[in-house]
Amino acid sequence: MFTRLAIEQEPPKGARGVPLRGHPYWTKSPEELRFIMKDAKDAADANRDGDPKVEGKYLDQMNDAATILYYRKNHGGYAPAGYGSSR
């Protein structure tokens, strides 16, 4: 499990660009991101015959959560300082 400190560490020198700069999902735990992915998938599936924009919104949420989980897995579990919302 990632601690808040591990999530907010600076990237190592030479790290490539970090996706989704400023996205509030950077402040979420892996468990919260997996829940978002599951919930958004269920919502997108339930809206298949509805408005394509709404379905796309849920698919975007799934993709954003997956992108952050993938980045953490491959870059030591950190998010650069200043990422996420300051709510």
Protein backbone atom coordinates (compact mmCIF):
# COMPACT_ATOMS: atom_id res chain seq x y z
CA MET A 1 0.00 0.00 0.00
CA PHE A 2 1.26 3.47 -0.80
CA THR A 3 1.62 6.00 1.94
CA ARG A 4 0.86 9.66 1.36
CA LEU A 5 4.60 10.36 1.46
CA ALA A 6 5.27 7.74 -1.23
CA ILE A 7 2.55 9.22 -3.41
CA GLU A 8 3.96 12.76 -3.16
CA GLN A 9 7.67 12.12 -3.77
CA GLU A 10 9.51 13.88 -6.57
CA PRO A 11 10.31 11.78 -9.65
CA PRO A 12 13.90 10.70 -10.17
CA LYS A 13 16.09 12.69 -12.53
CA GLY A 14 15.59 11.66 -16.12
CA ALA A 15 11.99 10.56 -15.57
CA ARG A 16 9.79 11.04 -18.59
CA GLY A 17 6.80 13.34 -18.50
CA VAL A 18 4.14 12.50 -15.98
CA PRO A 19 0.60 12.02 -17.30
CA LEU A 20 -2.48 13.87 -16.07
CA ARG A 21 -0.68 16.77 -14.41
CA GLY A 22 -2.86 18.29 -11.68
CA HIS A 23 -5.49 15.53 -11.79
CA PRO A 24 -7.19 14.87 -8.43
CA TYR A 25 -6.75 11.10 -8.92
CA TRP A 26 -3.08 11.53 -7.88
CA THR A 27 -4.31 11.93 -4.29
CA LYS A 28 -6.25 8.64 -4.39
CA SER A 29 -5.01 5.34 -2.99
CA PRO A 30 -4.70 2.33 -5.31
CA GLU A 31 -7.82 0.85 -3.72
CA GLU A 32 -9.78 4.03 -4.43
CA LEU A 33 -8.57 4.07 -8.04
CA ARG A 34 -9.60 0.43 -8.55
CA PHE A 35 -13.03 1.24 -7.11
CA ILE A 36 -13.36 4.21 -9.48
CA MET A 37 -12.48 1.94 -12.40
CA LYS A 38 -15.05 -0.68 -11.41
CA ASP A 39 -17.78 1.87 -10.69
CA ALA A 40 -17.15 3.77 -13.95
CA LYS A 41 -17.23 0.51 -15.93
CA ASP A 42 -20.57 -0.42 -14.38
CA ALA A 43 -21.95 3.05 -15.16
CA ALA A 44 -20.68 2.95 -18.77
CA ASP A 45 -22.17 -0.52 -19.27
CA ALA A 46 -25.51 0.65 -17.88
CA ASN A 47 -25.50 3.60 -20.29
CA ARG A 48 -24.60 1.74 -23.50
CA ASP A 49 -27.89 2.63 -25.18
CA GLY A 50 -27.95 6.17 -23.83
CA ASP A 51 -26.00 9.31 -24.60
CA PRO A 52 -22.54 8.47 -26.04
CA LYS A 53 -21.04 11.53 -24.29
CA VAL A 54 -22.09 10.21 -20.91
CA GLU A 55 -20.70 6.76 -21.67
CA GLY A 56 -17.47 8.42 -22.85
CA LYS A 57 -17.19 10.34 -19.59
CA TYR A 58 -17.22 7.11 -17.61
CA LEU A 59 -14.75 5.45 -19.95
CA ASP A 60 -12.44 8.48 -19.51
CA GLN A 61 -12.62 8.03 -15.73
CA MET A 62 -11.63 4.38 -16.12
CA ASN A 63 -8.72 5.34 -18.35
CA ASP A 64 -7.49 8.12 -16.05
CA ALA A 65 -7.47 5.82 -13.01
CA ALA A 66 -5.70 3.06 -14.99
CA THR A 67 -3.11 5.54 -16.27
CA ILE A 68 -2.17 6.62 -12.74
CA LEU A 69 -2.04 3.03 -11.46
CA TYR A 70 0.19 2.06 -14.40
CA TYR A 71 2.48 5.05 -13.84
CA ARG A 72 2.84 4.27 -10.12
CA LYS A 73 3.58 0.60 -10.83
CA ASN A 74 6.32 1.44 -13.31
CA HIS A 75 7.82 4.45 -11.54
CA GLY A 76 8.06 3.43 -7.90
CA GLY A 77 4.63 4.46 -6.71
CA TYR A 78 5.19 8.20 -6.46
CA ALA A 79 3.45 11.20 -7.84
CA PRO A 80 5.42 14.38 -8.25
CA ALA A 81 4.87 17.08 -5.63
CA GLY A 82 2.12 19.45 -6.60
CA TYR A 83 0.06 16.83 -8.38
CA GLY A 84 -3.57 16.40 -7.53
CA SER A 85 -6.03 18.95 -6.26
CA SER A 86 -5.40 21.07 -3.21
CA ARG A 87 -8.92 20.66 -1.82
